[in-house]
């Protein structure tokens, strides 16, 4: 009798303890006050050795983790919306997600990605959307540039972002408009000095060396993310390996007149059959980028659509497209949108404007690694001009365009399943 009574009391105690156990849910639908800082909290929790559940397609791609006072305090300080729910309630959510008929899944985040941003150390007259959102979300990162990459520092990192960059060695093709400006002259001087220091005869040769090191990083399992001109110039540099496509005002000698015919598209990650711009005074690198005059849209009606993928069968593109909106405001850049016919068929298109036949957001694999290219410069500044003030993300805490960047930040933290389609 005593034994049965003791067992009953113990069972009731354990049941009571279990009912007190709870989960923190960060909803990522329209109820979330600050979507961008929510990613920062998820990253911070991983840094505290707390695993995070990314609930794909559940309320906009919500996050959940075991309740702890320290975590709740951090949410309050950062102004992120959350709910404390019982474990029984959370198990009910997990049951809903696991239903074979539901296009939802659970991705376990376990690792803190070490992040590098490829960016010049000197101040340039433009900002970078990734560094802006990382800073706003309070996600730490290191800034590295040509010297660190050539010297072999990339294996220290899981994720690399390519800043607004020209990997062809033509200084952004700003020659016609800005060659007399001090910042342009300083950039050219610094790059030429860096190339000489690292043993290269030309800046274009140094950039090719950097591009190949990045490709090795990706092949070894690294995660590569690029926006704006860092997307197309990266592939142009790969295709032009061993070919001089740079005119004399950039490197002291003329370009190869047969450069176009000598391009090797087998070397590229994303693009094929493109034509490079041979005019050094043109503010364009190739026909990969859809020209503004071709796009027949204005700021008022420039949008692109995110694709919906199967969470249970295609978790990788599902992670990269988590959002509370599927229609994203378009935004311009030196490279705004990718011409569909020039994108390799194996590339996964994740966002496009079908009517304009242009791709805005895409993803692919290379050996053991992955890459993601995102067209445009700043998701909350439609036509960001050289010298303009940086975007204040405190005014855009729910930006769906910036969320796409942060999906990529957390992507390396996931314990991924093999993609099935």
Protein backbone atom coordinates (compact mmCIF):
# COMPACT_ATOMS: atom_id res chain seq x y z
CA UNK A 1 0.00 0.00 0.00
CA UNK A 2 2.80 2.38 0.98
CA UNK A 3 4.67 1.55 -2.23
CA UNK A 4 1.61 2.23 -4.39
CA UNK A 5 0.98 5.57 -2.62
CA UNK A 6 4.59 6.64 -3.03
CA UNK A 7 4.52 5.70 -6.71
CA UNK A 8 1.31 7.68 -7.20
CA UNK A 9 2.79 10.76 -5.51
CA UNK A 10 5.97 10.49 -7.61
CA UNK A 11 3.93 10.12 -10.81
CA UNK A 12 1.86 13.19 -9.95
CA UNK A 13 5.05 15.16 -9.22
CA UNK A 14 6.60 14.19 -12.54
CA UNK A 15 3.39 15.02 -14.37
CA UNK A 16 3.29 18.42 -12.67
CA UNK A 17 6.96 19.04 -13.53
CA UNK A 18 6.31 18.05 -17.14
CA UNK A 19 3.38 20.47 -17.39
CA UNK A 20 5.65 23.29 -16.18
CA UNK A 21 8.22 22.60 -18.91
CA UNK A 22 7.74 25.08 -21.73
CA UNK A 23 8.89 26.19 -25.15
CA UNK A 24 9.53 29.66 -26.55
CA UNK A 25 7.89 30.18 -29.95
CA UNK A 26 9.00 33.06 -32.19
CA UNK A 27 6.19 33.50 -34.71
CA UNK A 28 7.45 34.75 -38.08
CA UNK A 29 4.13 35.66 -39.64
CA UNK A 30 2.52 39.12 -39.64
CA UNK A 31 2.29 39.08 -35.83
CA UNK A 32 6.07 39.40 -35.45
CA UNK A 33 7.20 42.92 -34.45
CA UNK A 34 10.76 42.51 -35.67
CA UNK A 35 11.46 39.74 -38.14
CA UNK A 36 15.07 40.75 -38.67
CA UNK A 37 16.09 40.73 -35.01
CA UNK A 38 14.37 37.34 -34.64
CA UNK A 39 17.15 35.81 -36.73
CA UNK A 40 19.68 37.45 -34.45
CA UNK A 41 18.05 35.85 -31.41
CA UNK A 42 18.11 32.43 -33.10
CA UNK A 43 21.82 32.93 -33.84
CA UNK A 44 22.45 34.09 -30.26
CA UNK A 45 20.68 31.02 -28.86
CA UNK A 46 22.87 28.74 -30.97
CA UNK A 47 25.87 30.53 -29.50
CA UNK A 48 24.60 29.55 -26.04
CA UNK A 49 24.50 25.87 -27.12
CA UNK A 50 20.71 25.93 -27.36
CA UNK A 51 19.39 24.06 -30.38
CA UNK A 52 16.75 25.88 -32.39
CA UNK A 53 13.86 24.36 -34.33
CA UNK A 54 13.18 26.17 -37.60
CA UNK A 55 9.54 25.40 -38.35
CA UNK A 56 9.51 25.57 -42.14
CA UNK A 57 6.31 27.05 -43.58
CA UNK A 58 4.70 27.19 -40.11
CA UNK A 59 3.52 30.76 -39.52
CA UNK A 60 6.08 32.25 -41.89
CA UNK A 61 8.97 30.04 -40.83
CA UNK A 62 8.85 30.36 -37.04
CA UNK A 63 11.59 29.50 -34.56
CA UNK A 64 11.25 27.53 -31.33
CA UNK A 65 13.57 26.53 -28.49
CA UNK A 66 13.39 25.29 -24.92
CA UNK A 67 12.39 28.01 -22.49
CA UNK A 68 15.02 29.56 -20.24
CA UNK A 69 14.86 32.90 -18.35
CA UNK A 70 18.06 34.13 -20.05
CA UNK A 71 16.58 33.51 -23.49
CA UNK A 72 13.31 35.20 -22.61
CA UNK A 73 15.16 38.23 -21.24
CA UNK A 74 17.12 38.51 -24.50
CA UNK A 75 13.88 38.49 -26.49
CA UNK A 76 12.49 41.30 -24.33
CA UNK A 77 15.65 43.38 -24.69
CA UNK A 78 15.71 42.97 -28.48
CA UNK A 79 12.02 43.69 -28.91
CA UNK A 80 11.15 40.41 -30.59
CA UNK A 81 7.60 39.01 -30.38
CA UNK A 82 7.34 35.59 -28.72
CA UNK A 83 5.03 33.23 -26.89
CA UNK A 84 5.79 30.85 -24.05
CA UNK A 85 3.80 27.69 -24.63
CA UNK A 86 3.67 24.39 -22.78
CA UNK A 87 5.52 21.43 -24.17
CA UNK A 88 2.16 19.78 -24.71
CA UNK A 89 1.12 22.70 -26.93
CA UNK A 90 4.41 22.52 -28.78
CA UNK A 91 4.02 18.79 -29.33
CA UNK A 92 0.65 19.54 -30.87
CA UNK A 93 2.36 21.95 -33.30
CA UNK A 94 4.95 19.30 -34.15
CA UNK A 95 2.19 16.81 -34.83
CA UNK A 96 0.52 19.30 -37.16
CA UNK A 97 3.80 19.89 -39.01
CA UNK A 98 4.56 16.19 -39.35
CA UNK A 99 1.26 15.47 -41.08
CA UNK A 100 2.19 14.08 -44.53
CA UNK A 101 -0.46 16.33 -46.10
CA UNK A 102 1.02 19.50 -44.58
CA UNK A 103 3.68 21.37 -46.55
CA UNK A 104 5.72 21.96 -43.41
CA UNK A 105 8.79 20.47 -41.77
CA UNK A 106 11.15 20.91 -38.83
CA UNK A 107 14.79 21.82 -39.44
CA UNK A 108 17.07 21.47 -36.46
CA UNK A 109 19.63 24.28 -36.15
CA UNK A 110 22.64 23.16 -34.16
CA UNK A 111 25.78 24.96 -35.28
CA UNK A 112 26.80 28.62 -35.02
CA UNK A 113 27.93 29.59 -38.54
CA UNK A 114 31.17 31.56 -38.66
CA UNK A 115 30.54 34.42 -41.08
CA UNK A 116 32.90 36.39 -43.30
CA UNK A 117 32.05 39.41 -45.44
CA UNK A 118 34.31 40.11 -48.41
CA UNK A 119 34.66 43.89 -48.39
CA UNK A 120 37.41 46.50 -48.78
CA UNK A 121 38.78 47.86 -45.54
CA UNK A 122 38.64 51.46 -46.80
CA UNK A 123 35.40 53.42 -46.86
CA UNK A 124 33.54 53.22 -50.15
CA UNK A 125 30.69 55.56 -51.19
CA UNK A 126 28.05 52.85 -50.94
CA UNK A 127 26.85 50.49 -48.25
CA UNK A 128 26.12 46.78 -48.34
CA UNK A 129 22.77 45.22 -47.50
CA UNK A 130 24.31 42.18 -45.80
CA UNK A 131 26.50 44.13 -43.41
CA UNK A 132 23.57 46.44 -42.65
CA UNK A 133 21.25 43.57 -41.73
CA UNK A 134 23.91 41.61 -39.84
CA UNK A 135 24.62 44.68 -37.74
CA UNK A 136 20.93 45.36 -37.15
CA UNK A 137 20.22 41.72 -36.22
CA UNK A 138 23.32 41.70 -33.96
CA UNK A 139 24.94 38.78 -35.77
CA UNK A 140 28.76 38.93 -35.59
CA UNK A 141 30.94 38.71 -38.70
CA UNK A 142 34.53 39.25 -39.83
CA UNK A 143 35.53 41.50 -42.73
CA UNK A 144 38.08 39.94 -45.07
CA UNK A 145 39.40 41.00 -48.44
CA UNK A 146 41.81 39.95 -51.15
CA UNK A 147 44.88 39.51 -48.96
CA UNK A 148 43.16 37.23 -46.45
CA UNK A 149 41.64 35.09 -49.20
CA UNK A 150 44.84 34.74 -51.21
CA UNK A 151 46.71 33.80 -48.03
CA UNK A 152 44.22 31.01 -47.35
CA UNK A 153 41.96 32.27 -44.55
CA UNK A 154 38.65 31.11 -46.07
CA UNK A 155 38.61 27.63 -44.45
CA UNK A 156 38.17 29.38 -41.09
CA UNK A 157 34.62 30.28 -42.10
CA UNK A 158 31.37 28.51 -42.91
CA UNK A 159 29.67 31.30 -44.85
CA UNK A 160 31.03 34.00 -47.16
CA UNK A 161 29.24 37.03 -48.52
CA UNK A 162 30.60 38.84 -51.55
CA UNK A 163 30.21 42.57 -51.07
CA UNK A 164 29.25 44.87 -53.97
CA UNK A 165 32.30 43.97 -56.04
CA UNK A 166 33.81 43.85 -59.51
CA UNK A 167 35.80 40.64 -59.94
CA UNK A 168 36.78 41.51 -63.52
CA UNK A 169 39.31 44.14 -62.43
CA UNK A 170 37.53 47.09 -64.08
CA UNK A 171 36.93 49.03 -60.83
CA UNK A 172 33.17 48.72 -61.01
CA UNK A 173 33.13 50.22 -64.50
CA UNK A 174 32.79 53.61 -62.83
CA UNK A 175 35.50 55.05 -65.11
CA UNK A 176 33.23 57.24 -67.23
CA UNK A 177 31.47 58.91 -64.31
CA UNK A 178 33.86 58.80 -61.34
CA UNK A 179 37.48 58.49 -62.52
CA UNK A 180 38.27 62.02 -61.25
CA UNK A 181 36.74 61.41 -57.82
CA UNK A 182 39.14 60.87 -54.90
CA UNK A 183 37.43 57.64 -53.76
CA UNK A 184 37.83 56.07 -57.20
CA UNK A 185 41.50 57.03 -57.43
CA UNK A 186 42.12 55.75 -53.90
CA UNK A 187 40.40 52.45 -54.69
CA UNK A 188 42.52 51.96 -57.80
CA UNK A 189 45.73 52.80 -55.94
CA UNK A 190 44.93 50.41 -53.07
CA UNK A 191 44.03 47.55 -55.39
CA UNK A 192 47.15 47.98 -57.51
CA UNK A 193 49.33 48.05 -54.39
CA UNK A 194 47.60 44.95 -53.04
CA UNK A 195 48.06 43.08 -56.32
CA UNK A 196 51.78 43.88 -56.38
CA UNK A 197 52.18 42.89 -52.73
CA UNK A 198 50.51 39.53 -53.38
CA UNK A 199 52.63 38.82 -56.46
CA UNK A 200 50.17 39.63 -59.25
CA UNK A 201 50.98 41.79 -62.28
CA UNK A 202 47.46 43.15 -62.61
CA UNK A 203 44.40 43.72 -60.44
CA UNK A 204 42.36 41.53 -62.81
CA UNK A 205 44.79 38.66 -62.20
CA UNK A 206 44.54 39.14 -58.43
CA UNK A 207 40.74 39.12 -58.61
CA UNK A 208 40.85 35.90 -60.65
CA UNK A 209 43.05 34.37 -57.95
CA UNK A 210 40.48 35.43 -55.35
CA UNK A 211 37.62 34.05 -57.44
CA UNK A 212 39.32 30.65 -57.73
CA UNK A 213 40.04 30.53 -53.98
CA UNK A 214 36.37 31.23 -53.34
CA UNK A 215 35.41 28.48 -55.76
CA UNK A 216 37.68 26.08 -53.84
CA UNK A 217 36.00 27.20 -50.61
CA UNK A 218 32.61 26.40 -52.08
CA UNK A 219 33.79 23.04 -53.47
CA UNK A 220 35.02 22.07 -50.01
CA UNK A 221 31.61 22.59 -48.43
CA UNK A 222 31.44 26.36 -47.96
CA UNK A 223 28.31 28.48 -48.29
CA UNK A 224 28.64 31.35 -50.77
CA UNK A 225 26.21 34.26 -50.98
CA UNK A 226 26.46 37.22 -53.37
CA UNK A 227 24.37 40.22 -54.33
CA UNK A 228 24.38 42.87 -57.04
CA UNK A 229 27.52 43.01 -59.22
CA UNK A 230 29.33 40.36 -57.16
CA UNK A 231 27.08 37.79 -58.85
CA UNK A 232 27.69 38.29 -62.57
CA UNK A 233 31.27 39.58 -62.32
CA UNK A 234 32.17 36.46 -60.35
CA UNK A 235 31.08 34.19 -63.19
CA UNK A 236 32.49 36.51 -65.86
CA UNK A 237 35.91 36.28 -64.17
CA UNK A 238 35.66 32.47 -64.10
CA UNK A 239 34.69 32.30 -67.78
CA UNK A 240 37.50 34.68 -68.75
CA UNK A 241 40.31 32.81 -67.01
CA UNK A 242 43.41 33.18 -69.19
CA UNK A 243 41.72 35.82 -71.38
CA UNK A 244 42.33 39.58 -71.16
CA UNK A 245 38.92 41.29 -71.14
CA UNK A 246 40.19 44.52 -69.52
CA UNK A 247 40.99 47.66 -71.51
CA UNK A 248 44.08 49.84 -71.12
CA UNK A 249 42.64 52.47 -68.77
CA UNK A 250 42.20 49.70 -66.18
CA UNK A 251 45.40 47.65 -66.55
CA UNK A 252 47.74 49.45 -68.95
CA UNK A 253 47.21 47.27 -72.01
CA UNK A 254 44.37 46.51 -74.38
CA UNK A 255 41.88 43.67 -74.14
CA UNK A 256 42.08 40.61 -76.36
CA UNK A 257 39.96 41.37 -79.48
CA UNK A 258 38.89 37.69 -79.51
CA UNK A 259 37.95 37.70 -75.82
CA UNK A 260 34.29 36.89 -76.37
CA UNK A 261 35.05 33.82 -78.45
CA UNK A 262 37.50 32.55 -75.84
CA UNK A 263 35.14 32.58 -72.85
CA UNK A 264 34.75 29.19 -71.18
CA UNK A 265 31.25 28.77 -69.74
CA UNK A 266 32.13 25.37 -68.29
CA UNK A 267 34.00 27.24 -65.55
CA UNK A 268 30.99 29.23 -64.29
CA UNK A 269 28.57 28.50 -61.46
CA UNK A 270 25.34 30.08 -62.71
CA UNK A 271 25.52 31.66 -66.15
CA UNK A 272 26.18 30.53 -69.71
CA UNK A 273 26.35 31.95 -73.24
CA UNK A 274 26.51 35.57 -72.11
CA UNK A 275 28.16 38.39 -74.01
CA UNK A 276 30.56 40.67 -72.16
CA UNK A 277 30.44 44.44 -72.56
CA UNK A 278 33.54 45.52 -74.51
CA UNK A 279 32.89 49.24 -74.00
CA UNK A 280 34.92 50.51 -71.01
CA UNK A 281 32.67 53.57 -70.76
CA UNK A 282 29.50 51.51 -70.37
CA UNK A 283 28.21 51.01 -66.83
CA UNK A 284 27.55 47.32 -67.46
CA UNK A 285 29.60 44.11 -67.55
CA UNK A 286 27.54 41.85 -69.81
CA UNK A 287 24.04 41.04 -71.01
CA UNK A 288 23.42 38.84 -67.95
CA UNK A 289 21.82 41.82 -66.23
CA UNK A 290 18.47 42.94 -67.65
CA UNK A 291 18.87 46.60 -68.63
CA UNK A 292 16.60 49.20 -66.95
CA UNK A 293 15.17 50.34 -70.28
CA UNK A 294 14.15 46.74 -71.04
CA UNK A 295 12.29 46.12 -67.80
CA UNK A 296 9.17 48.22 -68.47
CA UNK A 297 8.46 48.61 -64.74
CA UNK A 298 8.70 51.43 -62.21
CA UNK A 299 9.16 51.43 -58.46
CA UNK A 300 5.39 51.26 -58.05
CA UNK A 301 4.96 47.98 -59.93
CA UNK A 302 8.35 46.27 -59.66
CA UNK A 303 7.84 42.95 -57.83
CA UNK A 304 9.00 39.37 -57.96
CA UNK A 305 7.44 36.16 -56.68
CA UNK A 306 9.02 33.61 -54.37
CA UNK A 307 8.56 29.98 -55.32
CA UNK A 308 6.88 27.57 -52.90
CA UNK A 309 8.84 24.36 -52.44
CA UNK A 310 7.97 21.10 -50.72
CA UNK A 311 9.27 21.43 -47.18
CA UNK A 312 9.54 17.69 -46.66
CA UNK A 313 11.17 16.92 -50.03
CA UNK A 314 13.09 20.10 -50.87
CA UNK A 315 14.18 21.50 -47.50
CA UNK A 316 17.11 23.57 -48.82
CA UNK A 317 15.19 25.93 -51.13
CA UNK A 318 12.36 25.90 -48.60
CA UNK A 319 14.72 27.26 -45.93
CA UNK A 320 16.05 29.91 -48.28
CA UNK A 321 12.56 31.17 -49.16
CA UNK A 322 11.00 31.34 -45.69
CA UNK A 323 9.00 34.56 -45.47
CA UNK A 324 5.78 36.14 -44.31
CA UNK A 325 5.20 37.39 -47.85
CA UNK A 326 5.58 35.67 -51.21
CA UNK A 327 5.49 38.84 -53.29
CA UNK A 328 8.69 40.83 -52.77
CA UNK A 329 9.24 44.46 -53.76
CA UNK A 330 11.85 44.73 -56.50
CA UNK A 331 14.94 46.87 -56.07
CA UNK A 332 17.69 47.92 -58.45
CA UNK A 333 21.46 47.62 -58.43
CA UNK A 334 24.34 47.65 -60.83
CA UNK A 335 23.17 44.09 -61.42
CA UNK A 336 19.41 44.07 -60.87
CA UNK A 337 18.00 40.92 -62.46
CA UNK A 338 19.35 37.88 -64.30
CA UNK A 339 18.27 37.15 -67.86
CA UNK A 340 16.57 33.75 -67.66
CA UNK A 341 17.94 32.35 -70.93
CA UNK A 342 21.51 32.88 -69.68
CA UNK A 343 21.02 30.92 -66.43
CA UNK A 344 22.19 27.29 -66.47
CA UNK A 345 19.32 24.76 -66.45
CA UNK A 346 20.44 23.01 -63.26
CA UNK A 347 20.14 26.20 -61.21
CA UNK A 348 17.24 26.31 -58.71
CA UNK A 349 15.18 29.45 -59.33
CA UNK A 350 13.70 30.72 -56.06
CA UNK A 351 12.36 34.13 -57.05
CA UNK A 352 11.41 35.58 -60.43
CA UNK A 353 9.33 38.04 -62.37
CA UNK A 354 7.85 35.70 -64.93
CA UNK A 355 6.32 38.43 -67.07
CA UNK A 356 9.70 40.12 -67.47
CA UNK A 357 11.43 36.75 -67.94
CA UNK A 358 13.97 37.65 -65.27
CA UNK A 359 15.31 35.80 -62.23
CA UNK A 360 15.97 37.69 -59.00
CA UNK A 361 16.97 34.98 -56.51
CA UNK A 362 18.56 31.60 -57.24
CA UNK A 363 20.61 28.82 -55.73
CA UNK A 364 22.91 26.02 -56.79
CA UNK A 365 25.44 23.48 -55.64
CA UNK A 366 29.09 23.11 -56.51
CA UNK A 367 30.82 19.91 -55.37
CA UNK A 368 30.22 19.75 -51.58
CA UNK A 369 29.16 23.38 -51.22
CA UNK A 370 26.38 25.74 -52.23
CA UNK A 371 25.96 29.24 -53.62
CA UNK A 372 23.08 31.73 -53.68
CA UNK A 373 22.83 34.79 -55.96
CA UNK A 374 20.42 37.64 -55.18
CA UNK A 375 19.96 40.47 -57.68
CA UNK A 376 19.84 44.12 -56.67
CA UNK A 377 21.64 46.26 -54.10
CA UNK A 378 19.33 47.19 -51.19
CA UNK A 379 15.89 45.60 -50.63
CA UNK A 380 14.54 48.76 -48.97
CA UNK A 381 16.09 51.40 -51.25
CA UNK A 382 14.74 51.02 -54.77
CA UNK A 383 17.49 52.91 -56.61
CA UNK A 384 20.39 53.28 -54.22
CA UNK A 385 22.81 55.82 -55.64
CA UNK A 386 26.52 56.24 -54.99
CA UNK A 387 27.01 58.42 -51.92
CA UNK A 388 23.52 58.03 -50.45
CA UNK A 389 23.08 57.47 -46.72
CA UNK A 390 22.71 53.85 -45.56
CA UNK A 391 19.24 52.45 -45.04
CA UNK A 392 18.01 52.63 -41.44
CA UNK A 393 16.69 49.12 -40.81
CA UNK A 394 14.96 50.25 -37.63
CA UNK A 395 12.42 51.68 -40.09
CA UNK A 396 12.08 48.31 -41.86
CA UNK A 397 12.11 45.60 -39.13
CA UNK A 398 9.71 43.41 -41.11
CA UNK A 399 11.40 43.70 -44.51
CA UNK A 400 10.66 40.55 -46.57
CA UNK A 401 13.52 41.40 -48.94
CA UNK A 402 16.04 41.51 -46.11
CA UNK A 403 14.62 38.28 -44.65
CA UNK A 404 15.91 36.41 -47.69
CA UNK A 405 19.45 37.45 -46.77
CA UNK A 406 19.02 36.21 -43.20
CA UNK A 407 17.61 32.87 -44.37
CA UNK A 408 20.99 32.34 -45.98
CA UNK A 409 22.80 33.30 -42.77
CA UNK A 410 21.08 30.52 -40.80
CA UNK A 411 21.25 27.99 -43.63
CA UNK A 412 24.72 26.66 -42.60
CA UNK A 413 23.41 26.04 -39.06
CA UNK A 414 20.94 23.43 -40.26
CA UNK A 415 21.31 19.71 -39.96
CA UNK A 416 20.14 19.23 -43.52
CA UNK A 417 18.44 16.28 -45.10
CA UNK A 418 19.36 15.27 -48.61
CA UNK A 419 17.40 17.13 -51.25
CA UNK A 420 15.17 14.70 -53.13
CA UNK A 421 14.12 16.62 -56.24
